[in-house]
Amino acid sequence: MVFYKVKILRCYNSPKIVTVTAKNSQQAVRAAAADLRAEGVTDARGIEVIGQVKSLRG
């Protein structure tokens, strides 16, 4: 498992950047979508993988 930084584009709010754990970038997008559904966010326009995170420190 690897950490990915993901940007969530929203209609009415500024973009949200989250860190998710996944095997590849496609699963990172799916994990971000699942997080959005769990939070009840309905105004998302897109999900974009920014890149892989090597360390969560600093």
PDB file of N, CA and C in Angstrom:
ATOM      1  N   MET A   1       0.834  -1.180   0.000  1.00  0.00           N
ATOM      2  CA  MET A   1       0.000   0.000   0.000  1.00  0.00           C
ATOM      3  C   MET A   1       0.881   1.247   0.000  1.00  0.00           C
ATOM      4  N   VAL A   2       0.401   2.239  -0.726  1.00  0.00           N
ATOM      5  CA  VAL A   2       1.138   3.479  -0.898  1.00  0.00           C
ATOM      6  C   VAL A   2       0.200   4.636  -0.584  1.00  0.00           C
ATOM      7  N   PHE A   3       0.758   5.744  -0.133  1.00  0.00           N
ATOM      8  CA  PHE A   3      -0.035   6.945   0.113  1.00  0.00           C
ATOM      9  C   PHE A   3      -0.088   7.792  -1.153  1.00  0.00           C
ATOM     10  N   TYR A   4      -1.278   8.283  -1.481  1.00  0.00           N
ATOM     11  CA  TYR A   4      -1.476   9.174  -2.620  1.00  0.00           C
ATOM     12  C   TYR A   4      -2.131  10.459  -2.146  1.00  0.00           C
ATOM     13  N   LYS A   5      -1.692  11.582  -2.689  1.00  0.00           N
ATOM     14  CA  LYS A   5      -2.328  12.858  -2.432  1.00  0.00           C
ATOM     15  C   LYS A   5      -3.338  13.094  -3.549  1.00  0.00           C
ATOM     16  N   VAL A   6      -4.585  13.360  -3.166  1.00  0.00           N
ATOM     17  CA  VAL A   6      -5.686  13.460  -4.124  1.00  0.00           C
ATOM     18  C   VAL A   6      -6.379  14.812  -3.954  1.00  0.00           C
ATOM     19  N   LYS A   7      -6.668  15.479  -5.077  1.00  0.00           N
ATOM     20  CA  LYS A   7      -7.398  16.752  -5.063  1.00  0.00           C
ATOM     21  C   LYS A   7      -8.840  16.491  -5.486  1.00  0.00           C
ATOM     22  N   ILE A   8      -9.771  16.987  -4.673  1.00  0.00           N
ATOM     23  CA  ILE A   8     -11.187  16.839  -4.962  1.00  0.00           C
ATOM     24  C   ILE A   8     -11.722  18.210  -5.359  1.00  0.00           C
ATOM     25  N   LEU A   9     -12.162  18.333  -6.611  1.00  0.00           N
ATOM     26  CA  LEU A   9     -12.717  19.584  -7.115  1.00  0.00           C
ATOM     27  C   LEU A   9     -14.190  19.644  -6.765  1.00  0.00           C
ATOM     28  N   ARG A  10     -14.619  20.794  -6.209  1.00  0.00           N
ATOM     29  CA  ARG A  10     -15.990  20.932  -5.771  1.00  0.00           C
ATOM     30  C   ARG A  10     -16.649  22.120  -6.447  1.00  0.00           C
ATOM     31  N   CYS A  11     -17.961  22.067  -6.587  1.00  0.00           N
ATOM     32  CA  CYS A  11     -18.718  23.135  -7.275  1.00  0.00           C
ATOM     33  C   CYS A  11     -18.745  24.427  -6.470  1.00  0.00           C
ATOM     34  N   TYR A  12     -19.047  24.337  -5.204  1.00  0.00           N
ATOM     35  CA  TYR A  12     -19.317  25.530  -4.409  1.00  0.00           C
ATOM     36  C   TYR A  12     -18.222  25.875  -3.421  1.00  0.00           C
ATOM     37  N   ASN A  13     -17.315  24.984  -3.134  1.00  0.00           N
ATOM     38  CA  ASN A  13     -16.244  25.226  -2.169  1.00  0.00           C
ATOM     39  C   ASN A  13     -14.893  25.141  -2.870  1.00  0.00           C
ATOM     40  N   SER A  14     -13.860  25.549  -2.158  1.00  0.00           N
ATOM     41  CA  SER A  14     -12.521  25.435  -2.717  1.00  0.00           C
ATOM     42  C   SER A  14     -12.126  23.962  -2.774  1.00  0.00           C
ATOM     43  N   PRO A  15     -11.162  23.615  -3.622  1.00  0.00           N
ATOM     44  CA  PRO A  15     -10.748  22.205  -3.727  1.00  0.00           C
ATOM     45  C   PRO A  15     -10.250  21.661  -2.387  1.00  0.00           C
ATOM     46  N   LYS A  16     -10.488  20.408  -2.170  1.00  0.00           N
ATOM     47  CA  LYS A  16     -10.068  19.731  -0.943  1.00  0.00           C
ATOM     48  C   LYS A  16      -8.964  18.758  -1.309  1.00  0.00           C
ATOM     49  N   ILE A  17      -7.870  18.758  -0.548  1.00  0.00           N
ATOM     50  CA  ILE A  17      -6.762  17.843  -0.800  1.00  0.00           C
ATOM     51  C   ILE A  17      -6.694  16.856   0.359  1.00  0.00           C
ATOM     52  N   VAL A  18      -6.730  15.573   0.031  1.00  0.00           N
ATOM     53  CA  VAL A  18      -6.703  14.516   1.039  1.00  0.00           C
ATOM     54  C   VAL A  18      -5.595  13.516   0.700  1.00  0.00           C
ATOM     55  N   THR A  19      -5.203  12.752   1.686  1.00  0.00           N
ATOM     56  CA  THR A  19      -4.232  11.679   1.501  1.00  0.00           C
ATOM     57  C   THR A  19      -4.951  10.356   1.713  1.00  0.00           C
ATOM     58  N   VAL A  20      -4.823   9.457   0.751  1.00  0.00           N
ATOM     59  CA  VAL A  20      -5.463   8.145   0.849  1.00  0.00           C
ATOM     60  C   VAL A  20      -4.417   7.049   0.670  1.00  0.00           C
ATOM     61  N   THR A  21      -4.760   5.867   1.131  1.00  0.00           N
ATOM     62  CA  THR A  21      -3.887   4.705   0.987  1.00  0.00           C
ATOM     63  C   THR A  21      -4.475   3.787  -0.074  1.00  0.00           C
ATOM     64  N   ALA A  22      -3.645   3.380  -1.046  1.00  0.00           N
ATOM     65  CA  ALA A  22      -4.123   2.510  -2.112  1.00  0.00           C
ATOM     66  C   ALA A  22      -2.946   1.785  -2.759  1.00  0.00           C
ATOM     67  N   LYS A  23      -3.266   0.765  -3.561  1.00  0.00           N
ATOM     68  CA  LYS A  23      -2.231   0.020  -4.275  1.00  0.00           C
ATOM     69  C   LYS A  23      -1.765   0.751  -5.522  1.00  0.00           C
ATOM     70  N   ASN A  24      -2.699   1.459  -6.187  1.00  0.00           N
ATOM     71  CA  ASN A  24      -2.345   2.214  -7.392  1.00  0.00           C
ATOM     72  C   ASN A  24      -3.217   3.464  -7.467  1.00  0.00           C
ATOM     73  N   SER A  25      -2.970   4.308  -8.468  1.00  0.00           N
ATOM     74  CA  SER A  25      -3.673   5.587  -8.539  1.00  0.00           C
ATOM     75  C   SER A  25      -5.168   5.417  -8.803  1.00  0.00           C
ATOM     76  N   GLN A  26      -5.551   4.389  -9.549  1.00  0.00           N
ATOM     77  CA  GLN A  26      -6.977   4.164  -9.813  1.00  0.00           C
ATOM     78  C   GLN A  26      -7.719   3.825  -8.517  1.00  0.00           C
ATOM     79  N   GLN A  27      -7.108   3.022  -7.674  1.00  0.00           N
ATOM     80  CA  GLN A  27      -7.733   2.699  -6.394  1.00  0.00           C
ATOM     81  C   GLN A  27      -7.736   3.909  -5.462  1.00  0.00           C
ATOM     82  N   ALA A  28      -6.776   4.813  -5.633  1.00  0.00           N
ATOM     83  CA  ALA A  28      -6.756   6.047  -4.840  1.00  0.00           C
ATOM     84  C   ALA A  28      -7.973   6.906  -5.173  1.00  0.00           C
ATOM     85  N   VAL A  29      -8.336   6.975  -6.447  1.00  0.00           N
ATOM     86  CA  VAL A  29      -9.527   7.722  -6.859  1.00  0.00           C
ATOM     87  C   VAL A  29     -10.774   7.068  -6.261  1.00  0.00           C
ATOM     88  N   ARG A  30     -10.832   5.764  -6.297  1.00  0.00           N
ATOM     89  CA  ARG A  30     -11.987   5.054  -5.720  1.00  0.00           C
ATOM     90  C   ARG A  30     -12.079   5.273  -4.216  1.00  0.00           C
ATOM     91  N   ALA A  31     -10.933   5.269  -3.528  1.00  0.00           N
ATOM     92  CA  ALA A  31     -10.925   5.495  -2.081  1.00  0.00           C
ATOM     93  C   ALA A  31     -11.383   6.910  -1.750  1.00  0.00           C
ATOM     94  N   ALA A  32     -10.954   7.891  -2.546  1.00  0.00           N
ATOM     95  CA  ALA A  32     -11.390   9.271  -2.327  1.00  0.00           C
ATOM     96  C   ALA A  32     -12.890   9.400  -2.557  1.00  0.00           C
ATOM     97  N   ALA A  33     -13.410   8.729  -3.583  1.00  0.00           N
ATOM     98  CA  ALA A  33     -14.852   8.760  -3.855  1.00  0.00           C
ATOM     99  C   ALA A  33     -15.635   8.134  -2.701  1.00  0.00           C
ATOM    100  N   ALA A  34     -15.118   7.050  -2.147  1.00  0.00           N
ATOM    101  CA  ALA A  34     -15.785   6.403  -1.010  1.00  0.00           C
ATOM    102  C   ALA A  34     -15.786   7.328   0.205  1.00  0.00           C
ATOM    103  N   ASP A  35     -14.688   8.062   0.417  1.00  0.00           N
ATOM    104  CA  ASP A  35     -14.633   9.027   1.524  1.00  0.00           C
ATOM    105  C   ASP A  35     -15.672  10.125   1.339  1.00  0.00           C
ATOM    106  N   LEU A  36     -15.827  10.591   0.104  1.00  0.00           N
ATOM    107  CA  LEU A  36     -16.815  11.626  -0.174  1.00  0.00           C
ATOM    108  C   LEU A  36     -18.223  11.133   0.120  1.00  0.00           C
ATOM    109  N   ARG A  37     -18.511   9.911  -0.311  1.00  0.00           N
ATOM    110  CA  ARG A  37     -19.834   9.341  -0.056  1.00  0.00           C
ATOM    111  C   ARG A  37     -20.095   9.211   1.435  1.00  0.00           C
ATOM    112  N   ALA A  38     -19.067   8.791   2.189  1.00  0.00           N
ATOM    113  CA  ALA A  38     -19.212   8.626   3.635  1.00  0.00           C
ATOM    114  C   ALA A  38     -19.459   9.968   4.325  1.00  0.00           C
ATOM    115  N   GLU A  39     -18.859  11.047   3.801  1.00  0.00           N
ATOM    116  CA  GLU A  39     -19.042  12.374   4.376  1.00  0.00           C
ATOM    117  C   GLU A  39     -20.346  13.027   3.915  1.00  0.00           C
ATOM    118  N   GLY A  40     -20.973  12.476   2.890  1.00  0.00           N
ATOM    119  CA  GLY A  40     -22.210  13.048   2.376  1.00  0.00           C
ATOM    120  C   GLY A  40     -22.000  14.214   1.432  1.00  0.00           C
ATOM    121  N   VAL A  41     -20.821  14.327   0.842  1.00  0.00           N
ATOM    122  CA  VAL A  41     -20.521  15.410  -0.100  1.00  0.00           C
ATOM    123  C   VAL A  41     -21.211  15.109  -1.426  1.00  0.00           C
ATOM    124  N   THR A  42     -21.978  16.085  -1.913  1.00  0.00           N
ATOM    125  CA  THR A  42     -22.720  15.871  -3.161  1.00  0.00           C
ATOM    126  C   THR A  42     -22.330  16.846  -4.269  1.00  0.00           C
ATOM    127  N   ASP A  43     -21.433  17.797  -3.987  1.00  0.00           N
ATOM    128  CA  ASP A  43     -21.101  18.808  -4.984  1.00  0.00           C
ATOM    129  C   ASP A  43     -19.730  18.592  -5.633  1.00  0.00           C
ATOM    130  N   ALA A  44     -19.220  17.379  -5.617  1.00  0.00           N
ATOM    131  CA  ALA A  44     -17.901  17.101  -6.208  1.00  0.00           C
ATOM    132  C   ALA A  44     -17.997  17.093  -7.732  1.00  0.00           C
ATOM    133  N   ARG A  45     -17.050  17.754  -8.391  1.00  0.00           N
ATOM    134  CA  ARG A  45     -17.007  17.788  -9.853  1.00  0.00           C
ATOM    135  C   ARG A  45     -15.966  16.829 -10.411  1.00  0.00           C
ATOM    136  N   GLY A  46     -14.914  16.570  -9.648  1.00  0.00           N
ATOM    137  CA  GLY A  46     -13.870  15.696 -10.149  1.00  0.00           C
ATOM    138  C   GLY A  46     -12.884  15.310  -9.064  1.00  0.00           C
ATOM    139  N   ILE A  47     -12.165  14.225  -9.324  1.00  0.00           N
ATOM    140  CA  ILE A  47     -11.140  13.734  -8.411  1.00  0.00           C
ATOM    141  C   ILE A  47      -9.874  13.554  -9.222  1.00  0.00           C
ATOM    142  N   GLU A  48      -8.786  14.129  -8.743  1.00  0.00           N
ATOM    143  CA  GLU A  48      -7.527  14.105  -9.477  1.00  0.00           C
ATOM    144  C   GLU A  48      -6.402  13.657  -8.547  1.00  0.00           C
ATOM    145  N   VAL A  49      -5.616  12.680  -8.983  1.00  0.00           N
ATOM    146  CA  VAL A  49      -4.469  12.233  -8.203  1.00  0.00           C
ATOM    147  C   VAL A  49      -3.324  13.205  -8.471  1.00  0.00           C
ATOM    148  N   ILE A  50      -2.836  13.842  -7.405  1.00  0.00           N
ATOM    149  CA  ILE A  50      -1.737  14.800  -7.543  1.00  0.00           C
ATOM    150  C   ILE A  50      -0.410  14.050  -7.628  1.00  0.00           C
ATOM    151  N   GLY A  51      -0.240  13.048  -6.761  1.00  0.00           N
ATOM    152  CA  GLY A  51       0.994  12.288  -6.797  1.00  0.00           C
ATOM    153  C   GLY A  51       1.119  11.348  -5.614  1.00  0.00           C
ATOM    154  N   GLN A  52       2.209  10.627  -5.637  1.00  0.00           N
ATOM    155  CA  GLN A  52       2.478   9.652  -4.593  1.00  0.00           C
ATOM    156  C   GLN A  52       3.254  10.337  -3.472  1.00  0.00           C
ATOM    157  N   VAL A  53       2.913  10.017  -2.231  1.00  0.00           N
ATOM    158  CA  VAL A  53       3.567  10.591  -1.075  1.00  0.00           C
ATOM    159  C   VAL A  53       4.574   9.584  -0.544  1.00  0.00           C
ATOM    160  N   LYS A  54       5.814   9.996  -0.410  1.00  0.00           N
ATOM    161  CA  LYS A  54       6.852   9.082   0.069  1.00  0.00           C
ATOM    162  C   LYS A  54       6.816   8.938   1.585  1.00  0.00           C
ATOM    163  N   SER A  55       6.503  10.034   2.288  1.00  0.00           N
ATOM    164  CA  SER A  55       6.478   9.987   3.734  1.00  0.00           C
ATOM    165  C   SER A  55       5.418  10.945   4.248  1.00  0.00           C
ATOM    166  N   LEU A  56       4.759  10.585   5.330  1.00  0.00           N
ATOM    167  CA  LEU A  56       3.766  11.471   5.920  1.00  0.00           C
ATOM    168  C   LEU A  56       4.395  12.438   6.904  1.00  0.00           C
ATOM    169  N   ARG A  57       5.681  12.296   7.170  1.00  0.00           N
ATOM    170  CA  ARG A  57       6.378  13.208   8.079  1.00  0.00           C
ATOM    171  C   ARG A  57       6.745  14.491   7.363  1.00  0.00           C
ATOM    172  N   GLY A  58       6.641  15.595   8.105  1.00  0.00           N
ATOM    173  CA  GLY A  58       7.094  16.896   7.613  1.00  0.00           C
ATOM    174  C   GLY A  58       6.489  17.440   6.447  1.00  0.00           C
TER     175      GLY A  58
END
